[in-house]
Structures are given as C-alpha cells and as structure tokens.
Amino acid sequence: MEITFPELNQIFKNAYAVLALQMFRMYCHPDFLVGLTLKDMTNRVYQAVNKRIHKDVIQNYCAQVWLTAKNSYPAVPADSLEVEIISEYCDEIENYNKEIAYIQNKLIKTAASLDNFKFISSIPGAGQLNSALLLGFAGDISRFDNYKQLNVFLGLDLNRYQSGKY
C-alpha cells in the first residue's frame, strides 16, 4: 500500500476490517477513482460489503478516500504487479478472518454444553467468546473455593487504587 496509495493507511486504522479490505481491493490506486463520483463510489462499495455496515459510514470513508486521491502521488502505475498482489493479500486476510470466525463459533458451541457457560456469559461485559475462553483455559471453575484462587490460577493481579474512603 505504501507505494500504490499510501494515504489509505492513515484512513483505515484496522486494515483487516471488512470495509477496509474491500476499499483496498477496489481502490488500491488513486487512478481507479478517476471519473468516479462520490455517489458512484459509495454505491459500489455498499454493494460489495456486508449490508450490516451503515451506508453513512461507507460514504464517510469513501469521501475521505476520494479527497485524498486527488493529492496522492503513487510510486507505481495502476497496472503494476503490486496492485494485483494487494488484491491477493486482501483475499488471504479475508479467508483468515472467516477461519477465525469459524473457530470462535465452534469454541462457543463447545463451551455452551458446559454448566457454567450460561452463568458466566450472563455477566454484563463477559460475552460468549470470553466466557468460552475462560472455561477453556481454567476448566471447571467450581473447583476454586473463591474468586481469589481463580485470579491466582489465571495470573491476574488486581490492583485497587482508591483515595480516602472511595
């Protein structure tokens, strides 16, 4: 990306996100935006990404990319090998993301059969994945007499900072 369209790295902080990968795949070179209006660009990206991403978010990112493309000076032409490599890397990252999601779902399904899973995942902020990871690492948490033993087993060091009586 540094030689084809370096400004994209400042716009997208999480390069593995669905929207970022699609933008990298479609517009990894500023020449790909020549002749496109912001509306056309937004519609193309919206059709390509999952419909769970709100169109206003997509339009905001498209506007940033569209404006920065005007002042971008890439080091390679639009038909270079690097552009194809970026597309292949995007496909590879997308496959890894799918594999990670599959493994997480499988882990949650496995942990759902345990007795403590529903109890732990009902704690606000715990979530199903964190509960599954906790049970996978600690095993049967009923073997601990209190939370302090569980903290020691997990290697947690809870420091409490307080001033006065609060």
N, C-alpha and C. Protein backbone atom coordinates (compact mmCIF):
# COMPACT_ATOMS: atom_id res chain seq x y z
N MET A 1 0.82 -1.19 0.00
CA MET A 1 0.00 0.00 0.00
C MET A 1 0.86 1.26 0.00
N GLU A 2 2.03 1.17 0.57
CA GLU A 2 2.89 2.35 0.68
C GLU A 2 3.31 2.88 -0.68
N ILE A 3 3.37 2.04 -1.69
CA ILE A 3 3.81 2.54 -2.99
C ILE A 3 2.64 2.75 -3.96
N THR A 4 1.47 2.18 -3.66
CA THR A 4 0.34 2.35 -4.57
C THR A 4 -0.60 3.47 -4.14
N PHE A 5 -0.93 3.53 -2.84
CA PHE A 5 -1.85 4.55 -2.33
C PHE A 5 -1.61 4.67 -0.82
N PRO A 6 -0.51 5.31 -0.43
CA PRO A 6 -0.11 5.32 0.98
C PRO A 6 -1.09 6.00 1.93
N GLU A 7 -1.90 6.90 1.43
CA GLU A 7 -2.83 7.63 2.29
C GLU A 7 -3.92 6.72 2.88
N LEU A 8 -4.15 5.58 2.26
CA LEU A 8 -5.16 4.66 2.78
C LEU A 8 -4.79 4.14 4.16
N ASN A 9 -3.50 4.06 4.45
CA ASN A 9 -3.06 3.58 5.76
C ASN A 9 -3.46 4.54 6.88
N GLN A 10 -3.55 5.83 6.60
CA GLN A 10 -3.98 6.78 7.62
C GLN A 10 -5.50 6.79 7.77
N ILE A 11 -6.21 6.47 6.71
CA ILE A 11 -7.67 6.50 6.77
C ILE A 11 -8.21 5.27 7.49
N PHE A 12 -7.65 4.10 7.19
CA PHE A 12 -8.13 2.85 7.78
C PHE A 12 -7.14 2.37 8.83
N LYS A 13 -7.56 2.44 10.08
CA LYS A 13 -6.69 2.00 11.18
C LYS A 13 -6.64 0.48 11.28
N ASN A 14 -7.77 -0.19 11.04
CA ASN A 14 -7.83 -1.65 11.07
C ASN A 14 -7.87 -2.17 9.64
N ALA A 15 -6.72 -2.56 9.14
CA ALA A 15 -6.63 -2.99 7.75
C ALA A 15 -7.30 -4.33 7.51
N TYR A 16 -7.66 -5.05 8.56
CA TYR A 16 -8.30 -6.35 8.40
C TYR A 16 -9.83 -6.26 8.45
N ALA A 17 -10.37 -5.08 8.66
CA ALA A 17 -11.82 -4.91 8.71
C ALA A 17 -12.42 -5.11 7.31
N VAL A 18 -13.68 -5.50 7.28
CA VAL A 18 -14.36 -5.81 6.02
C VAL A 18 -14.36 -4.61 5.08
N LEU A 19 -14.70 -3.45 5.61
CA LEU A 19 -14.76 -2.25 4.77
C LEU A 19 -13.38 -1.87 4.25
N ALA A 20 -12.38 -1.93 5.10
CA ALA A 20 -11.01 -1.58 4.68
C ALA A 20 -10.52 -2.54 3.60
N LEU A 21 -10.74 -3.83 3.79
CA LEU A 21 -10.29 -4.80 2.78
C LEU A 21 -10.96 -4.57 1.44
N GLN A 22 -12.25 -4.25 1.47
CA GLN A 22 -12.95 -4.01 0.21
C GLN A 22 -12.45 -2.74 -0.47
N MET A 23 -12.19 -1.71 0.32
CA MET A 23 -11.66 -0.46 -0.26
C MET A 23 -10.27 -0.69 -0.83
N PHE A 24 -9.44 -1.47 -0.12
CA PHE A 24 -8.10 -1.78 -0.63
C PHE A 24 -8.20 -2.55 -1.94
N ARG A 25 -9.12 -3.48 -2.00
CA ARG A 25 -9.28 -4.31 -3.19
C ARG A 25 -9.76 -3.49 -4.38
N MET A 26 -10.72 -2.60 -4.14
CA MET A 26 -11.33 -1.86 -5.24
C MET A 26 -10.54 -0.62 -5.64
N TYR A 27 -9.96 0.06 -4.65
CA TYR A 27 -9.34 1.36 -4.92
C TYR A 27 -7.94 1.44 -4.30
N CYS A 28 -7.10 0.47 -4.60
CA CYS A 28 -5.75 0.49 -4.03
C CYS A 28 -4.81 1.41 -4.80
N HIS A 29 -5.32 2.05 -5.81
CA HIS A 29 -4.52 3.02 -6.57
C HIS A 29 -5.43 4.21 -6.89
N PRO A 30 -4.91 5.43 -6.75
CA PRO A 30 -5.76 6.60 -6.99
C PRO A 30 -6.30 6.70 -8.41
N ASP A 31 -5.63 6.08 -9.37
CA ASP A 31 -6.11 6.12 -10.75
C ASP A 31 -7.45 5.39 -10.92
N PHE A 32 -7.76 4.48 -9.99
CA PHE A 32 -9.03 3.76 -10.07
C PHE A 32 -10.22 4.65 -9.74
N LEU A 33 -9.96 5.84 -9.21
CA LEU A 33 -11.02 6.76 -8.84
C LEU A 33 -11.28 7.83 -9.89
N VAL A 34 -10.48 7.84 -10.93
CA VAL A 34 -10.63 8.84 -11.99
C VAL A 34 -11.97 8.63 -12.69
N GLY A 35 -12.75 9.68 -12.77
CA GLY A 35 -14.03 9.64 -13.44
C GLY A 35 -15.19 9.16 -12.57
N LEU A 36 -14.90 8.77 -11.34
CA LEU A 36 -15.96 8.32 -10.43
C LEU A 36 -16.47 9.48 -9.59
N THR A 37 -17.76 9.51 -9.38
CA THR A 37 -18.31 10.46 -8.42
C THR A 37 -18.34 9.79 -7.06
N LEU A 38 -18.50 10.60 -6.04
CA LEU A 38 -18.56 10.07 -4.67
C LEU A 38 -19.75 9.14 -4.51
N LYS A 39 -20.85 9.47 -5.15
CA LYS A 39 -22.05 8.63 -5.07
C LYS A 39 -21.82 7.28 -5.73
N ASP A 40 -21.18 7.27 -6.91
CA ASP A 40 -20.87 6.01 -7.59
C ASP A 40 -19.95 5.14 -6.74
N MET A 41 -18.96 5.76 -6.17
CA MET A 41 -18.01 5.04 -5.34
C MET A 41 -18.70 4.43 -4.12
N THR A 42 -19.53 5.22 -3.47
CA THR A 42 -20.26 4.74 -2.29
C THR A 42 -21.16 3.58 -2.65
N ASN A 43 -21.88 3.68 -3.75
CA ASN A 43 -22.78 2.60 -4.16
C ASN A 43 -22.02 1.32 -4.48
N ARG A 44 -20.88 1.43 -5.13
CA ARG A 44 -20.09 0.24 -5.46
C ARG A 44 -19.60 -0.46 -4.19
N VAL A 45 -19.10 0.33 -3.26
CA VAL A 45 -18.59 -0.26 -2.02
C VAL A 45 -19.74 -0.85 -1.21
N TYR A 46 -20.87 -0.16 -1.16
CA TYR A 46 -22.02 -0.65 -0.40
C TYR A 46 -22.52 -1.98 -0.94
N GLN A 47 -22.51 -2.14 -2.25
CA GLN A 47 -22.93 -3.40 -2.85
C GLN A 47 -21.93 -4.53 -2.57
N ALA A 48 -20.67 -4.17 -2.41
CA ALA A 48 -19.63 -5.18 -2.23
C ALA A 48 -19.48 -5.66 -0.79
N VAL A 49 -19.79 -4.79 0.18
CA VAL A 49 -19.60 -5.17 1.58
C VAL A 49 -20.89 -5.72 2.16
N ASN A 50 -20.76 -6.25 3.34
CA ASN A 50 -21.90 -6.77 4.06
C ASN A 50 -22.88 -5.64 4.34
N LYS A 51 -24.14 -5.90 4.19
CA LYS A 51 -25.16 -4.86 4.35
C LYS A 51 -25.33 -4.41 5.80
N ARG A 52 -24.60 -5.01 6.73
CA ARG A 52 -24.69 -4.58 8.13
C ARG A 52 -23.94 -3.28 8.38
N ILE A 53 -23.09 -2.88 7.45
CA ILE A 53 -22.37 -1.62 7.59
C ILE A 53 -23.27 -0.52 7.05
N HIS A 54 -23.52 0.47 7.88
CA HIS A 54 -24.45 1.54 7.51
C HIS A 54 -23.88 2.35 6.34
N LYS A 55 -24.75 2.77 5.46
CA LYS A 55 -24.33 3.47 4.25
C LYS A 55 -23.65 4.80 4.57
N ASP A 56 -24.03 5.45 5.68
CA ASP A 56 -23.39 6.71 6.05
C ASP A 56 -21.92 6.49 6.42
N VAL A 57 -21.63 5.38 7.08
CA VAL A 57 -20.24 5.06 7.43
C VAL A 57 -19.43 4.84 6.15
N ILE A 58 -20.00 4.10 5.23
CA ILE A 58 -19.32 3.84 3.96
C ILE A 58 -19.10 5.14 3.20
N GLN A 59 -20.11 6.01 3.19
CA GLN A 59 -19.99 7.28 2.48
C GLN A 59 -18.91 8.16 3.11
N ASN A 60 -18.79 8.13 4.43
CA ASN A 60 -17.76 8.91 5.12
C ASN A 60 -16.36 8.45 4.71
N TYR A 61 -16.14 7.14 4.72
CA TYR A 61 -14.83 6.62 4.31
C TYR A 61 -14.56 6.87 2.83
N CYS A 62 -15.58 6.70 2.02
CA CYS A 62 -15.41 6.95 0.58
C CYS A 62 -15.04 8.41 0.32
N ALA A 63 -15.65 9.32 1.06
CA ALA A 63 -15.33 10.74 0.90
C ALA A 63 -13.88 11.01 1.27
N GLN A 64 -13.41 10.40 2.34
CA GLN A 64 -12.01 10.58 2.74
C GLN A 64 -11.07 10.05 1.67
N VAL A 65 -11.36 8.86 1.16
CA VAL A 65 -10.51 8.26 0.13
C VAL A 65 -10.55 9.09 -1.14
N TRP A 66 -11.74 9.52 -1.51
CA TRP A 66 -11.91 10.29 -2.74
C TRP A 66 -11.14 11.61 -2.68
N LEU A 67 -11.19 12.28 -1.52
CA LEU A 67 -10.48 13.56 -1.38
C LEU A 67 -8.97 13.38 -1.34
N THR A 68 -8.51 12.34 -0.67
CA THR A 68 -7.05 12.14 -0.60
C THR A 68 -6.48 11.64 -1.92
N ALA A 69 -7.30 11.01 -2.73
CA ALA A 69 -6.81 10.52 -4.03
C ALA A 69 -6.40 11.66 -4.95
N LYS A 70 -7.01 12.82 -4.76
CA LYS A 70 -6.68 13.97 -5.61
C LYS A 70 -5.24 14.44 -5.41
N ASN A 71 -4.73 14.28 -4.19
CA ASN A 71 -3.38 14.77 -3.87
C ASN A 71 -2.37 13.64 -3.72
N SER A 72 -2.73 12.44 -4.10
CA SER A 72 -1.84 11.30 -3.93
C SER A 72 -0.93 11.15 -5.15
N TYR A 73 0.31 10.80 -4.88
CA TYR A 73 1.28 10.56 -5.94
C TYR A 73 1.89 9.17 -5.73
N PRO A 74 1.29 8.14 -6.32
CA PRO A 74 1.81 6.79 -6.12
C PRO A 74 3.15 6.59 -6.82
N ALA A 75 3.90 5.62 -6.32
CA ALA A 75 5.23 5.34 -6.87
C ALA A 75 5.17 4.38 -8.06
N VAL A 76 4.04 3.72 -8.26
CA VAL A 76 3.92 2.74 -9.34
C VAL A 76 2.66 3.05 -10.14
N PRO A 77 2.61 2.63 -11.40
CA PRO A 77 1.39 2.85 -12.20
C PRO A 77 0.26 1.91 -11.76
N ALA A 78 -0.93 2.19 -12.23
CA ALA A 78 -2.12 1.43 -11.83
C ALA A 78 -2.11 0.00 -12.35
N ASP A 79 -1.37 -0.27 -13.40
CA ASP A 79 -1.34 -1.63 -13.96
C ASP A 79 -0.13 -2.43 -13.48
N SER A 80 0.46 -2.04 -12.37
CA SER A 80 1.66 -2.72 -11.87
C SER A 80 1.31 -4.01 -11.15
N LEU A 81 2.30 -4.81 -10.93
CA LEU A 81 2.15 -6.09 -10.26
C LEU A 81 1.73 -5.90 -8.80
N GLU A 82 2.16 -4.83 -8.20
CA GLU A 82 1.84 -4.57 -6.80
C GLU A 82 0.33 -4.46 -6.55
N VAL A 83 -0.40 -3.93 -7.51
CA VAL A 83 -1.85 -3.82 -7.39
C VAL A 83 -2.48 -5.20 -7.32
N GLU A 84 -2.02 -6.12 -8.13
CA GLU A 84 -2.53 -7.50 -8.09
C GLU A 84 -2.17 -8.18 -6.78
N ILE A 85 -0.98 -7.92 -6.29
CA ILE A 85 -0.54 -8.52 -5.03
C ILE A 85 -1.41 -8.03 -3.88
N ILE A 86 -1.76 -6.76 -3.88
CA ILE A 86 -2.63 -6.22 -2.83
C ILE A 86 -3.97 -6.93 -2.84
N SER A 87 -4.52 -7.16 -4.00
CA SER A 87 -5.80 -7.87 -4.10
C SER A 87 -5.68 -9.29 -3.56
N GLU A 88 -4.59 -9.96 -3.85
CA GLU A 88 -4.38 -11.31 -3.34
C GLU A 88 -4.22 -11.31 -1.82
N TYR A 89 -3.51 -10.32 -1.29
CA TYR A 89 -3.37 -10.21 0.16
C TYR A 89 -4.73 -9.96 0.83
N CYS A 90 -5.55 -9.15 0.20
CA CYS A 90 -6.89 -8.89 0.75
C CYS A 90 -7.71 -10.17 0.80
N ASP A 91 -7.63 -10.97 -0.25
CA ASP A 91 -8.33 -12.26 -0.26
C ASP A 91 -7.82 -13.17 0.85
N GLU A 92 -6.50 -13.18 1.03
CA GLU A 92 -5.90 -14.03 2.06
C GLU A 92 -6.34 -13.59 3.46
N ILE A 93 -6.33 -12.30 3.71
CA ILE A 93 -6.76 -11.78 5.02
C ILE A 93 -8.23 -12.08 5.25
N GLU A 94 -9.03 -11.94 4.21
CA GLU A 94 -10.46 -12.25 4.33
C GLU A 94 -10.68 -13.72 4.66
N ASN A 95 -9.90 -14.61 4.07
CA ASN A 95 -10.00 -16.04 4.38
C ASN A 95 -9.59 -16.30 5.83
N TYR A 96 -8.55 -15.64 6.30
CA TYR A 96 -8.15 -15.79 7.69
C TYR A 96 -9.24 -15.30 8.63
N ASN A 97 -9.87 -14.18 8.30
CA ASN A 97 -10.98 -13.67 9.12
C ASN A 97 -12.12 -14.68 9.20
N LYS A 98 -12.45 -15.31 8.08
CA LYS A 98 -13.51 -16.32 8.07
C LYS A 98 -13.11 -17.52 8.92
N GLU A 99 -11.86 -17.92 8.84
CA GLU A 99 -11.39 -19.06 9.62
C GLU A 99 -11.42 -18.75 11.12
N ILE A 100 -11.04 -17.54 11.48
CA ILE A 100 -11.08 -17.13 12.89
C ILE A 100 -12.53 -17.13 13.39
N ALA A 101 -13.45 -16.59 12.60
CA ALA A 101 -14.86 -16.58 12.99
C ALA A 101 -15.40 -17.99 13.14
N TYR A 102 -15.02 -18.89 12.24
CA TYR A 102 -15.45 -20.29 12.32
C TYR A 102 -14.96 -20.93 13.61
N ILE A 103 -13.69 -20.73 13.95
CA ILE A 103 -13.12 -21.31 15.16
C ILE A 103 -13.77 -20.72 16.40
N GLN A 104 -14.03 -19.42 16.39
CA GLN A 104 -14.70 -18.80 17.54
C GLN A 104 -16.10 -19.37 17.73
N ASN A 105 -16.85 -19.52 16.66
CA ASN A 105 -18.19 -20.10 16.76
C ASN A 105 -18.15 -21.54 17.25
N LYS A 106 -17.18 -22.29 16.78
CA LYS A 106 -17.03 -23.68 17.22
C LYS A 106 -16.67 -23.73 18.70
N LEU A 107 -15.82 -22.85 19.14
CA LEU A 107 -15.44 -22.78 20.55
C LEU A 107 -16.65 -22.43 21.42
N ILE A 108 -17.45 -21.48 20.97
CA ILE A 108 -18.64 -21.09 21.73
C ILE A 108 -19.64 -22.25 21.79
N LYS A 109 -19.83 -22.95 20.69
CA LYS A 109 -20.76 -24.09 20.68
C LYS A 109 -20.29 -25.20 21.62
N THR A 110 -18.98 -25.43 21.65
CA THR A 110 -18.43 -26.44 22.54
C THR A 110 -18.61 -26.03 23.99
N ALA A 111 -18.34 -24.77 24.29
CA ALA A 111 -18.45 -24.28 25.67
C ALA A 111 -19.90 -24.18 26.12
N ALA A 112 -20.83 -24.02 25.20
CA ALA A 112 -22.24 -23.89 25.56
C ALA A 112 -22.77 -25.16 26.24
N SER A 113 -22.12 -26.27 26.00
CA SER A 113 -22.57 -27.51 26.64
C SER A 113 -22.13 -27.61 28.09
N LEU A 114 -21.23 -26.75 28.54
CA LEU A 114 -20.77 -26.77 29.93
C LEU A 114 -21.77 -26.06 30.84
N ASP A 115 -21.82 -26.49 32.07
CA ASP A 115 -22.79 -25.96 33.03
C ASP A 115 -22.57 -24.47 33.33
N ASN A 116 -21.34 -24.08 33.50
CA ASN A 116 -21.04 -22.71 33.93
C ASN A 116 -21.10 -21.68 32.81
N PHE A 117 -21.20 -22.13 31.58
CA PHE A 117 -21.14 -21.20 30.45
C PHE A 117 -22.25 -20.17 30.49
N LYS A 118 -23.48 -20.61 30.69
CA LYS A 118 -24.61 -19.67 30.70
C LYS A 118 -24.48 -18.69 31.85
N PHE A 119 -24.01 -19.18 32.98
CA PHE A 119 -23.85 -18.31 34.15
C PHE A 119 -22.79 -17.23 33.89
N ILE A 120 -21.65 -17.64 33.38
CA ILE A 120 -20.56 -16.69 33.16
C ILE A 120 -20.90 -15.71 32.04
N SER A 121 -21.48 -16.22 30.96
CA SER A 121 -21.79 -15.34 29.83
C SER A 121 -22.93 -14.38 30.15
N SER A 122 -23.68 -14.62 31.22
CA SER A 122 -24.75 -13.70 31.60
C SER A 122 -24.22 -12.48 32.35
N ILE A 123 -22.97 -12.51 32.75
CA ILE A 123 -22.36 -11.36 33.44
C ILE A 123 -22.19 -10.25 32.42
N PRO A 124 -22.65 -9.04 32.73
CA PRO A 124 -22.51 -7.93 31.77
C PRO A 124 -21.05 -7.68 31.41
N GLY A 125 -20.80 -7.64 30.11
CA GLY A 125 -19.45 -7.39 29.62
C GLY A 125 -18.63 -8.64 29.39
N ALA A 126 -19.09 -9.79 29.87
CA ALA A 126 -18.31 -11.01 29.72
C ALA A 126 -18.38 -11.53 28.29
N GLY A 127 -19.57 -11.68 27.76
CA GLY A 127 -19.74 -12.15 26.39
C GLY A 127 -19.51 -13.64 26.25
N GLN A 128 -19.99 -14.19 25.17
CA GLN A 128 -19.89 -15.62 24.95
C GLN A 128 -18.46 -16.07 24.64
N LEU A 129 -17.76 -15.30 23.82
CA LEU A 129 -16.40 -15.71 23.45
C LEU A 129 -15.47 -15.66 24.66
N ASN A 130 -15.53 -14.60 25.45
CA ASN A 130 -14.68 -14.51 26.64
C ASN A 130 -15.02 -15.60 27.64
N SER A 131 -16.30 -15.92 27.76
CA SER A 131 -16.71 -16.99 28.67
C SER A 131 -16.15 -18.33 28.20
N ALA A 132 -16.23 -18.58 26.90
CA ALA A 132 -15.70 -19.82 26.35
C ALA A 132 -14.19 -19.90 26.53
N LEU A 133 -13.50 -18.80 26.32
CA LEU A 133 -12.04 -18.78 26.51
C LEU A 133 -11.67 -19.00 27.97
N LEU A 134 -12.42 -18.40 28.89
CA LEU A 134 -12.16 -18.59 30.31
C LEU A 134 -12.35 -20.05 30.70
N LEU A 135 -13.45 -20.64 30.27
CA LEU A 135 -13.70 -22.05 30.61
C LEU A 135 -12.69 -22.97 29.93
N GLY A 136 -12.27 -22.61 28.75
CA GLY A 136 -11.26 -23.42 28.06
C GLY A 136 -9.91 -23.37 28.76
N PHE A 137 -9.58 -22.24 29.31
CA PHE A 137 -8.29 -22.09 29.98
C PHE A 137 -8.33 -22.62 31.41
N ALA A 138 -9.38 -22.28 32.15
CA ALA A 138 -9.45 -22.63 33.57
C ALA A 138 -10.07 -23.99 33.80
N GLY A 139 -10.86 -24.47 32.87
CA GLY A 139 -11.54 -25.75 33.07
C GLY A 139 -12.75 -25.57 33.97
N ASP A 140 -12.95 -26.49 34.86
CA ASP A 140 -14.09 -26.45 35.79
C ASP A 140 -13.81 -25.42 36.87
N ILE A 141 -14.48 -24.29 36.81
CA ILE A 141 -14.21 -23.22 37.78
C ILE A 141 -14.83 -23.50 39.14
N SER A 142 -15.67 -24.50 39.24
CA SER A 142 -16.26 -24.83 40.55
C SER A 142 -15.21 -25.44 41.49
N ARG A 143 -14.06 -25.81 40.97
CA ARG A 143 -13.00 -26.36 41.82
C ARG A 143 -12.30 -25.29 42.65
N PHE A 144 -12.55 -24.02 42.31
CA PHE A 144 -11.96 -22.93 43.08
C PHE A 144 -12.94 -22.52 44.18
N ASP A 145 -12.42 -22.35 45.39
CA ASP A 145 -13.27 -22.01 46.53
C ASP A 145 -13.76 -20.57 46.47
N ASN A 146 -12.95 -19.68 45.92
CA ASN A 146 -13.34 -18.27 45.84
C ASN A 146 -12.68 -17.63 44.63
N TYR A 147 -13.04 -16.39 44.39
CA TYR A 147 -12.52 -15.69 43.20
C TYR A 147 -11.03 -15.45 43.28
N LYS A 148 -10.48 -15.36 44.50
CA LYS A 148 -9.04 -15.11 44.65
C LYS A 148 -8.23 -16.29 44.12
N GLN A 149 -8.69 -17.50 44.36
CA GLN A 149 -7.99 -18.67 43.84
C GLN A 149 -8.03 -18.70 42.31
N LEU A 150 -9.17 -18.33 41.76
CA LEU A 150 -9.29 -18.27 40.29
C LEU A 150 -8.36 -17.20 39.73
N ASN A 151 -8.28 -16.05 40.38
CA ASN A 151 -7.37 -14.98 39.93
C ASN A 151 -5.92 -15.44 39.95
N VAL A 152 -5.52 -16.15 41.01
CA VAL A 152 -4.15 -16.64 41.10
C VAL A 152 -3.87 -17.65 39.99
N PHE A 153 -4.83 -18.56 39.75
CA PHE A 153 -4.66 -19.55 38.70
C PHE A 153 -4.51 -18.90 37.34
N LEU A 154 -5.31 -17.86 37.10
CA LEU A 154 -5.27 -17.17 35.81
C LEU A 154 -4.09 -16.21 35.69
N GLY A 155 -3.45 -15.92 36.82
CA GLY A 155 -2.31 -15.00 36.79
C GLY A 155 -2.71 -13.55 36.78
N LEU A 156 -3.89 -13.27 37.30
CA LEU A 156 -4.37 -11.89 37.35
C LEU A 156 -3.91 -11.23 38.63
N ASP A 157 -3.51 -9.99 38.53
CA ASP A 157 -3.12 -9.22 39.70
C ASP A 157 -3.99 -7.98 39.72
N LEU A 158 -5.03 -8.05 40.51
CA LEU A 158 -5.98 -6.93 40.57
C LEU A 158 -5.48 -5.90 41.55
N ASN A 159 -5.06 -4.77 41.05
CA ASN A 159 -4.64 -3.66 41.90
C ASN A 159 -5.82 -2.73 42.10
N ARG A 160 -5.99 -2.30 43.29
CA ARG A 160 -7.08 -1.38 43.58
C ARG A 160 -6.47 -0.05 43.98
N TYR A 161 -6.89 0.98 43.28
CA TYR A 161 -6.45 2.33 43.59
C TYR A 161 -7.62 3.08 44.16
N GLN A 162 -7.45 3.60 45.36
CA GLN A 162 -8.53 4.35 45.96
C GLN A 162 -7.95 5.47 46.79
N SER A 163 -8.72 6.52 46.87
CA SER A 163 -8.31 7.65 47.70
C SER A 163 -9.35 7.86 48.77
N GLY A 164 -8.90 7.95 49.98
CA GLY A 164 -9.87 8.16 51.07
C GLY A 164 -10.73 6.94 51.27
N LYS A 165 -12.00 7.18 51.38
CA LYS A 165 -12.94 6.10 51.67
C LYS A 165 -13.58 5.54 50.40
N TYR A 166 -13.23 6.06 49.23
CA TYR A 166 -13.88 5.66 48.00
C TYR A 166 -12.93 4.85 47.13
